[in-house]
């Protein structure tokens, strides 16, 4: 495939590089202080890379799952191990957590660049491309953790679905599931689209749906089975951790519990969150069917938004999962802007709350601040869900709907 480095994409990549550089500075500005006096919360410079350097055996070169515990799926664990190896190779005995953070940020910046290139080659509108190149969520999260790997696979899955290559889309979603679970939401849409999205004979449609499922299962199993067979206990920690985790400060369930409106134990939250998500997902697909039956993959964005709202865990960086898909599929950009405002507000409200718990500035932050920020974000997500179900998608998706991934026609 020809790399289309024309002046437009060069400008986009330059701005993206500047955004990621600012994200690097945002995470490292408090490095000289060594995270004293809760400055990682007060200034928002916290990154998972720092505690992982020693806490998950990265500094010692321990193999995830086989030698060190890891609460991430296998592909993400492999990425962390590889980045640790690069860090030790570059900096030798002097390697430390800040060096590791630099490598993590650089790899994430490259993944963000790959996502931008996929969007550009697919023909996305220039205004939306700039929305990714200068994305405020990238500034907050490019150095935060490793979720951009799964996001990249999910973006590829959506673009392959759009290009009428659903089997490849299923395989990409399967690999995304091996990095983070949320790309699994693409699979029922691809399967339903295969079964009901054409007038082919039923046998052909059933075969296609089976091929999509098989491609996803094979991609996921090829990554997971060797590790699961070799070290099942450590491999399964991600799934146990997800089930046993009670929630995070900005989740719907934790806000209700903190306010005393509806305190729930973890097993109850697992049950209620699952039921609420399934009911809402059925409504999104059912209501969106009439307008989007030929392109059910468009409903991935509202499904993901609904999952974030109903899940018992809503970590700040989860907003980065949703943001590229909002740019790609949201019919209007005004609610996307509101979502960004809510994201930034929730980020600082949550970390300032952690600071206040340690008697650090700002002392006055309460759970009410988190609830207000989360309410702004939730309003934006609900607005985006309604738009996604009721309105036509942005014009660029229709303009080149039958083009393969990488076709820049219809600019």
Protein backbone atom coordinates (compact mmCIF):
# COMPACT_ATOMS: atom_id res chain seq x y z
CA UNK A 1 0.00 0.00 0.00
CA UNK A 2 1.38 3.41 -0.96
CA UNK A 3 2.16 5.74 1.94
CA UNK A 4 0.37 8.96 1.11
CA UNK A 5 2.61 11.50 2.82
CA UNK A 6 1.13 14.54 1.09
CA UNK A 7 1.33 18.01 2.67
CA UNK A 8 -1.95 17.59 4.53
CA UNK A 9 -0.95 14.42 6.34
CA UNK A 10 2.47 15.91 7.13
CA UNK A 11 0.78 18.86 8.81
CA UNK A 12 -1.54 16.55 10.71
CA UNK A 13 1.34 14.39 11.88
CA UNK A 14 3.32 17.43 12.99
CA UNK A 15 0.42 18.68 15.11
CA UNK A 16 -0.07 15.17 16.50
CA UNK A 17 3.61 15.04 17.43
CA UNK A 18 3.28 18.37 19.22
CA UNK A 19 0.17 17.14 21.06
CA UNK A 20 1.99 13.99 22.20
CA UNK A 21 5.03 16.04 23.21
CA UNK A 22 2.79 18.22 25.35
CA UNK A 23 1.31 15.04 26.81
CA UNK A 24 4.83 13.88 27.67
CA UNK A 25 5.59 17.18 29.39
CA UNK A 26 2.28 16.97 31.26
CA UNK A 27 3.22 13.58 32.72
CA UNK A 28 6.88 14.37 33.43
CA UNK A 29 6.75 17.92 34.77
CA UNK A 30 6.62 16.54 38.32
CA UNK A 31 9.37 13.92 37.82
CA UNK A 32 12.05 15.98 39.66
CA UNK A 33 9.89 15.99 42.79
CA UNK A 34 9.54 12.21 42.76
CA UNK A 35 5.80 12.31 43.33
CA UNK A 36 6.12 13.83 46.78
CA UNK A 37 3.29 15.60 48.58
CA UNK A 38 0.79 13.83 46.28
CA UNK A 39 1.89 15.94 43.32
CA UNK A 40 0.96 13.09 40.95
CA UNK A 41 -2.66 13.75 41.93
CA UNK A 42 -2.51 17.48 42.59
CA UNK A 43 -1.03 18.25 39.17
CA UNK A 44 -2.56 15.29 37.30
CA UNK A 45 0.82 13.87 36.28
CA UNK A 46 0.02 10.33 37.46
CA UNK A 47 0.92 7.51 35.05
CA UNK A 48 0.51 3.74 35.44
CA UNK A 49 3.97 3.31 33.90
CA UNK A 50 5.73 4.59 37.02
CA UNK A 51 4.41 2.04 39.57
CA UNK A 52 4.57 -0.73 36.96
CA UNK A 53 8.34 -0.26 36.53
CA UNK A 54 9.10 -1.95 39.83
CA UNK A 55 5.68 -3.24 40.89
CA UNK A 56 5.27 -5.64 37.94
CA UNK A 57 8.86 -6.73 37.49
CA UNK A 58 9.47 -4.58 34.41
CA UNK A 59 12.75 -3.22 35.77
CA UNK A 60 14.01 -6.75 36.41
CA UNK A 61 12.95 -8.00 32.98
CA UNK A 62 10.49 -10.52 34.41
CA UNK A 63 8.17 -12.16 31.90
CA UNK A 64 4.53 -11.18 32.47
CA UNK A 65 2.28 -14.03 33.61
CA UNK A 66 5.17 -16.54 33.66
CA UNK A 67 7.27 -14.66 36.23
CA UNK A 68 5.33 -11.53 37.21
CA UNK A 69 1.69 -10.82 37.92
CA UNK A 70 -0.16 -8.72 35.36
CA UNK A 71 -3.74 -7.43 35.56
CA UNK A 72 -3.93 -6.69 31.84
CA UNK A 73 -4.81 -9.00 28.93
CA UNK A 74 -1.97 -10.77 27.15
CA UNK A 75 -1.25 -8.42 24.25
CA UNK A 76 -1.04 -5.46 26.60
CA UNK A 77 1.17 -7.45 28.95
CA UNK A 78 3.43 -8.31 26.00
CA UNK A 79 3.61 -4.63 25.02
CA UNK A 80 4.60 -3.66 28.58
CA UNK A 81 7.31 -6.34 28.60
CA UNK A 82 8.64 -5.21 25.20
CA UNK A 83 8.72 -1.57 26.29
CA UNK A 84 10.58 -2.58 29.43
CA UNK A 85 13.14 -4.41 27.28
CA UNK A 86 13.59 -1.33 25.07
CA UNK A 87 14.05 0.84 28.16
CA UNK A 88 16.72 -1.42 29.66
CA UNK A 89 18.42 -1.73 26.26
CA UNK A 90 18.56 2.03 25.77
CA UNK A 91 19.51 3.12 29.28
CA UNK A 92 21.22 0.05 30.74
CA UNK A 93 21.84 0.00 34.48
CA UNK A 94 20.70 3.62 34.75
CA UNK A 95 17.19 2.80 33.49
CA UNK A 96 14.44 4.04 35.78
CA UNK A 97 10.69 4.64 35.83
CA UNK A 98 10.98 7.97 34.00
CA UNK A 99 12.92 6.33 31.18
CA UNK A 100 10.22 3.68 30.99
CA UNK A 101 7.55 6.38 30.88
CA UNK A 102 9.39 8.01 27.98
CA UNK A 103 9.36 4.75 26.00
CA UNK A 104 5.70 4.11 26.83
CA UNK A 105 4.80 7.61 25.67
CA UNK A 106 6.78 7.27 22.45
CA UNK A 107 5.14 3.94 21.56
CA UNK A 108 1.71 5.39 22.34
CA UNK A 109 2.50 8.39 20.13
CA UNK A 110 3.36 6.02 17.30
CA UNK A 111 0.08 4.16 17.82
CA UNK A 112 -1.78 7.49 17.79
CA UNK A 113 0.00 8.30 14.52
CA UNK A 114 -1.03 4.96 13.04
CA UNK A 115 -4.66 5.65 14.00
CA UNK A 116 -4.45 9.09 12.40
CA UNK A 117 -3.00 7.61 9.23
CA UNK A 118 -5.79 5.00 9.05
CA UNK A 119 -8.38 7.72 9.48
CA UNK A 120 -6.76 9.87 6.80
CA UNK A 121 -6.39 7.02 4.30
CA UNK A 122 -10.03 6.10 4.88
CA UNK A 123 -11.09 9.61 3.77
CA UNK A 124 -12.23 11.13 7.06
CA UNK A 125 -13.14 14.81 6.95
CA UNK A 126 -10.28 17.22 7.63
CA UNK A 127 -12.01 18.85 10.60
CA UNK A 128 -12.36 15.46 12.28
CA UNK A 129 -8.74 14.58 11.48
CA UNK A 130 -7.62 17.74 13.25
CA UNK A 131 -9.80 16.67 16.15
CA UNK A 132 -7.56 13.62 16.58
CA UNK A 133 -4.25 15.34 15.79
CA UNK A 134 -4.91 17.98 18.48
CA UNK A 135 -6.97 15.78 20.79
CA UNK A 136 -7.16 16.95 24.43
CA UNK A 137 -7.64 13.32 25.56
CA UNK A 138 -4.32 12.44 23.91
CA UNK A 139 -2.63 15.18 25.88
CA UNK A 140 -4.03 13.68 29.09
CA UNK A 141 -3.53 10.00 28.30
CA UNK A 142 -0.70 9.48 25.79
CA UNK A 143 1.61 8.84 28.74
CA UNK A 144 -1.00 7.36 31.05
CA UNK A 145 -1.10 3.65 30.21
CA UNK A 146 -1.38 1.21 27.28
CA UNK A 147 -4.98 1.39 26.01
CA UNK A 148 -4.04 2.83 22.61
CA UNK A 149 -3.05 -0.65 21.46
CA UNK A 150 -6.61 -1.95 21.80
CA UNK A 151 -7.98 1.30 20.40
CA UNK A 152 -5.88 0.83 17.27
CA UNK A 153 -7.26 -2.66 16.70
CA UNK A 154 -10.82 -1.43 17.27
CA UNK A 155 -10.35 1.42 14.76
CA UNK A 156 -9.03 -1.09 12.21
CA UNK A 157 -12.02 -3.36 12.87
CA UNK A 158 -14.49 -0.54 12.26
CA UNK A 159 -12.76 0.55 9.07
CA UNK A 160 -12.66 -3.00 7.74
CA UNK A 161 -16.35 -3.37 8.54
CA UNK A 162 -17.01 -0.15 6.64
CA UNK A 163 -15.01 -1.52 3.70
CA UNK A 164 -17.26 -4.62 3.66
CA UNK A 165 -14.50 -6.88 4.90
CA UNK A 166 -16.18 -8.14 8.08
CA UNK A 167 -14.00 -11.24 8.51
CA UNK A 168 -10.91 -9.06 8.73
CA UNK A 169 -12.85 -6.79 11.04
CA UNK A 170 -13.65 -9.77 13.26
CA UNK A 171 -9.98 -10.77 13.38
CA UNK A 172 -8.97 -7.22 14.33
CA UNK A 173 -11.63 -7.16 17.05
CA UNK A 174 -10.32 -10.50 18.35
CA UNK A 175 -6.81 -9.08 18.61
CA UNK A 176 -8.23 -5.99 20.28
CA UNK A 177 -9.92 -8.24 22.85
CA UNK A 178 -6.51 -9.74 23.57
CA UNK A 179 -5.33 -6.24 24.51
CA UNK A 180 -8.49 -4.91 26.24
CA UNK A 181 -12.00 -6.37 26.27
CA UNK A 182 -14.07 -3.50 24.84
CA UNK A 183 -13.51 -4.35 21.11
CA UNK A 184 -15.74 -7.38 21.71
CA UNK A 185 -18.69 -4.99 21.25
CA UNK A 186 -17.95 -4.98 17.52
CA UNK A 187 -18.57 -8.73 17.12
CA UNK A 188 -22.37 -8.91 17.62
CA UNK A 189 -22.76 -6.01 15.20
CA UNK A 190 -20.64 -7.75 12.58
CA UNK A 191 -22.53 -11.00 13.13
CA UNK A 192 -25.95 -9.39 12.89
CA UNK A 193 -24.83 -7.44 9.83
CA UNK A 194 -23.71 -10.66 8.16
CA UNK A 195 -27.00 -12.39 8.93
CA UNK A 196 -29.42 -9.60 8.08
CA UNK A 197 -27.49 -6.99 6.13
CA UNK A 198 -27.81 -8.52 2.66
CA UNK A 199 -30.19 -10.51 0.46
CA UNK A 200 -27.80 -13.40 -0.08
CA UNK A 201 -29.03 -16.93 0.51
CA UNK A 202 -29.35 -17.82 4.18
CA UNK A 203 -26.60 -20.41 3.92
CA UNK A 204 -24.11 -17.82 2.66
CA UNK A 205 -25.10 -15.39 5.38
CA UNK A 206 -24.72 -18.02 8.09
CA UNK A 207 -21.35 -19.05 6.72
CA UNK A 208 -20.18 -15.44 6.74
CA UNK A 209 -21.34 -14.94 10.33
CA UNK A 210 -19.55 -18.13 11.34
CA UNK A 211 -16.38 -16.98 9.60
CA UNK A 212 -16.47 -13.66 11.46
CA UNK A 213 -16.81 -15.45 14.78
CA UNK A 214 -14.12 -17.97 13.89
CA UNK A 215 -11.70 -15.23 12.83
CA UNK A 216 -12.20 -13.37 16.10
CA UNK A 217 -11.91 -16.53 18.20
CA UNK A 218 -8.81 -17.69 16.35
CA UNK A 219 -7.07 -14.32 16.72
CA UNK A 220 -7.88 -14.15 20.42
CA UNK A 221 -6.94 -17.78 21.07
CA UNK A 222 -3.64 -17.58 19.19
CA UNK A 223 -2.52 -14.90 21.66
CA UNK A 224 -4.13 -16.21 24.84
CA UNK A 225 -4.04 -20.00 24.79
CA UNK A 226 -0.25 -20.46 25.03
CA UNK A 227 -0.11 -18.18 28.08
CA UNK A 228 -3.25 -19.64 29.64
CA UNK A 229 -1.85 -23.17 29.33
CA UNK A 230 1.53 -22.18 30.73
CA UNK A 231 0.39 -19.97 33.63
CA UNK A 232 -3.37 -20.09 34.07
CA UNK A 233 -3.45 -18.44 37.50
CA UNK A 234 -1.56 -15.33 36.41
CA UNK A 235 -3.26 -15.26 33.00
CA UNK A 236 -6.70 -15.24 34.59
CA UNK A 237 -5.88 -12.45 37.05
CA UNK A 238 -7.26 -9.83 34.67
CA UNK A 239 -10.67 -11.52 34.64
CA UNK A 240 -10.70 -12.08 38.42
CA UNK A 241 -9.55 -8.52 39.07
CA UNK A 242 -12.29 -7.16 36.81
CA UNK A 243 -14.94 -9.22 38.59
CA UNK A 244 -13.79 -8.45 42.12
CA UNK A 245 -13.13 -4.74 41.65
CA UNK A 246 -15.76 -2.67 43.42
CA UNK A 247 -15.66 0.39 41.18
CA UNK A 248 -13.98 3.74 40.61
CA UNK A 249 -14.83 7.20 41.89
CA UNK A 250 -16.41 8.54 38.67
CA UNK A 251 -18.56 5.53 37.87
CA UNK A 252 -22.34 5.72 38.06
CA UNK A 253 -22.45 3.02 40.74
CA UNK A 254 -19.78 4.55 42.96
CA UNK A 255 -21.42 7.98 42.79
CA UNK A 256 -24.75 6.48 43.84
CA UNK A 257 -23.04 4.57 46.63
CA UNK A 258 -21.06 7.56 47.92
CA UNK A 259 -24.18 9.71 47.95
CA UNK A 260 -26.09 7.10 49.92
CA UNK A 261 -28.80 6.86 47.26
CA UNK A 262 -28.11 3.25 46.33
CA UNK A 263 -25.15 1.58 48.05
CA UNK A 264 -24.43 -1.79 46.45
CA UNK A 265 -21.97 -4.60 47.09
CA UNK A 266 -19.62 -5.69 44.31
CA UNK A 267 -21.60 -8.82 43.28
CA UNK A 268 -24.75 -6.72 43.02
CA UNK A 269 -22.95 -4.14 40.92
CA UNK A 270 -21.73 -6.86 38.59
CA UNK A 271 -25.29 -8.11 38.15
CA UNK A 272 -27.02 -4.76 37.83
CA UNK A 273 -24.38 -3.30 35.54
CA UNK A 274 -24.62 -6.32 33.26
CA UNK A 275 -28.41 -6.21 33.12
CA UNK A 276 -28.50 -2.45 32.55
CA UNK A 277 -25.93 -2.68 29.78
CA UNK A 278 -27.69 -5.57 28.02
CA UNK A 279 -31.05 -3.82 28.17
CA UNK A 280 -29.63 -0.58 26.84
CA UNK A 281 -27.61 -2.36 24.15
CA UNK A 282 -30.73 -4.15 22.93
CA UNK A 283 -32.54 -0.79 22.78
CA UNK A 284 -29.67 0.86 20.87
CA UNK A 285 -29.56 -1.92 18.30
CA UNK A 286 -33.34 -2.14 18.06
CA UNK A 287 -33.88 1.60 17.66
CA UNK A 288 -30.91 1.98 15.34
CA UNK A 289 -31.88 -0.94 13.13
CA UNK A 290 -34.21 0.95 10.80
CA UNK A 291 -31.70 3.67 9.92
CA UNK A 292 -28.48 1.65 10.15
CA UNK A 293 -29.41 -1.95 9.32
CA UNK A 294 -27.03 -1.97 6.34
CA UNK A 295 -24.20 -0.58 8.50
CA UNK A 296 -24.72 -1.90 11.99
CA UNK A 297 -21.05 -1.37 12.79
CA UNK A 298 -21.95 2.32 13.19
CA UNK A 299 -23.64 1.36 16.44
CA UNK A 300 -20.30 0.36 17.97
CA UNK A 301 -19.85 3.95 19.14
CA UNK A 302 -23.14 4.24 21.06
CA UNK A 303 -22.70 0.72 22.44
CA UNK A 304 -19.27 1.64 23.76
CA UNK A 305 -20.61 4.87 25.23
CA UNK A 306 -23.43 3.00 26.97
CA UNK A 307 -20.96 0.41 28.29
CA UNK A 308 -18.85 3.16 29.85
CA UNK A 309 -21.89 4.72 31.49
CA UNK A 310 -23.20 1.47 32.96
CA UNK A 311 -19.92 -0.19 33.91
CA UNK A 312 -18.93 -0.25 37.59
CA UNK A 313 -15.43 0.92 36.60
CA UNK A 314 -14.91 4.20 34.75
CA UNK A 315 -11.21 5.01 34.93
CA UNK A 316 -10.26 8.41 33.46
CA UNK A 317 -8.41 6.95 30.46
CA UNK A 318 -11.55 5.11 29.33
CA UNK A 319 -12.56 8.36 27.66
CA UNK A 320 -9.73 7.75 25.20
CA UNK A 321 -11.48 4.51 24.14
CA UNK A 322 -14.51 6.45 22.98
CA UNK A 323 -13.00 9.63 21.59
CA UNK A 324 -11.67 8.40 18.19
CA UNK A 325 -14.96 6.67 17.44
CA UNK A 326 -16.88 9.85 18.25
CA UNK A 327 -14.72 11.69 15.74
CA UNK A 328 -15.26 8.96 13.15
CA UNK A 329 -19.00 8.37 13.52
CA UNK A 330 -20.74 11.14 15.51
CA UNK A 331 -23.26 12.92 13.26
CA UNK A 332 -22.51 16.23 14.99
CA UNK A 333 -19.38 17.51 16.71
CA UNK A 334 -20.99 19.79 19.32
CA UNK A 335 -21.71 16.94 21.75
CA UNK A 336 -18.16 15.69 21.13
CA UNK A 337 -16.88 19.04 22.38
CA UNK A 338 -19.08 18.71 25.48
CA UNK A 339 -17.69 15.21 26.01
CA UNK A 340 -14.14 16.61 25.97
CA UNK A 341 -15.10 19.23 28.55
CA UNK A 342 -16.58 16.52 30.76
CA UNK A 343 -13.49 14.35 30.27
CA UNK A 344 -11.08 17.07 31.39
CA UNK A 345 -13.33 18.00 34.32
CA UNK A 346 -13.69 14.38 35.46
CA UNK A 347 -9.94 13.77 35.13
CA UNK A 348 -8.95 16.57 37.47
CA UNK A 349 -11.91 16.09 39.82
CA UNK A 350 -10.97 12.46 40.37
CA UNK A 351 -7.25 13.06 40.86
CA UNK A 352 -7.85 16.09 43.08
CA UNK A 353 -10.14 13.90 45.17
CA UNK A 354 -7.27 11.44 45.59
CA UNK A 355 -5.04 14.36 46.63
CA UNK A 356 -7.57 15.56 49.19
CA UNK A 357 -7.71 12.07 50.72
CA UNK A 358 -3.97 12.44 51.39
CA UNK A 359 -4.47 15.94 52.85
CA UNK A 360 -2.82 17.56 49.85
CA UNK A 361 -4.00 20.54 47.81
CA UNK A 362 -6.80 21.10 46.87
CA UNK A 363 -8.24 20.09 50.22
CA UNK A 364 -11.84 21.02 49.50
CA UNK A 365 -12.58 18.56 46.68
CA UNK A 366 -15.50 16.30 47.54
CA UNK A 367 -17.27 13.44 45.75
CA UNK A 368 -19.82 16.05 44.68
CA UNK A 369 -17.23 17.56 42.36
CA UNK A 370 -16.69 14.18 40.76
CA UNK A 371 -20.44 13.69 40.41
CA UNK A 372 -20.82 17.06 38.68
CA UNK A 373 -18.00 16.37 36.21
CA UNK A 374 -19.31 12.84 35.57
CA UNK A 375 -22.80 14.28 34.97
CA UNK A 376 -21.45 16.63 32.28
CA UNK A 377 -19.69 13.72 30.61
CA UNK A 378 -22.72 11.46 30.93
CA UNK A 379 -24.99 14.11 29.38
CA UNK A 380 -22.64 14.35 26.42
CA UNK A 381 -22.51 10.57 26.00
CA UNK A 382 -26.31 10.25 26.16
CA UNK A 383 -26.64 13.05 23.61
CA UNK A 384 -24.17 11.24 21.35
CA UNK A 385 -26.01 7.92 21.77
CA UNK A 386 -29.33 9.50 20.75
CA UNK A 387 -27.68 11.22 17.78
CA UNK A 388 -26.01 7.98 16.68
CA UNK A 389 -29.31 6.10 16.73
CA UNK A 390 -31.55 8.75 15.17
CA UNK A 391 -29.34 10.64 12.73
CA UNK A 392 -27.43 9.75 9.59
CA UNK A 393 -23.69 9.28 10.03
CA UNK A 394 -21.20 11.94 8.91
CA UNK A 395 -20.94 12.35 5.15
CA UNK A 396 -17.43 10.94 4.82
CA UNK A 397 -18.64 7.47 5.87
CA UNK A 398 -21.19 7.39 3.05
CA UNK A 399 -18.92 8.99 0.49
CA UNK A 400 -16.50 6.07 0.34
CA UNK A 401 -18.48 3.35 2.05
CA UNK A 402 -17.41 0.64 -0.39
CA UNK A 403 -13.74 1.56 -0.53
CA UNK A 404 -11.15 -0.72 1.06
CA UNK A 405 -9.20 0.43 4.08
CA UNK A 406 -6.47 2.71 2.82
CA UNK A 407 -8.40 4.22 -0.10
CA UNK A 408 -8.18 8.00 -0.02
CA UNK A 409 -10.81 8.54 -2.73
CA UNK A 410 -13.60 10.97 -2.08
CA UNK A 411 -11.56 13.54 -0.17
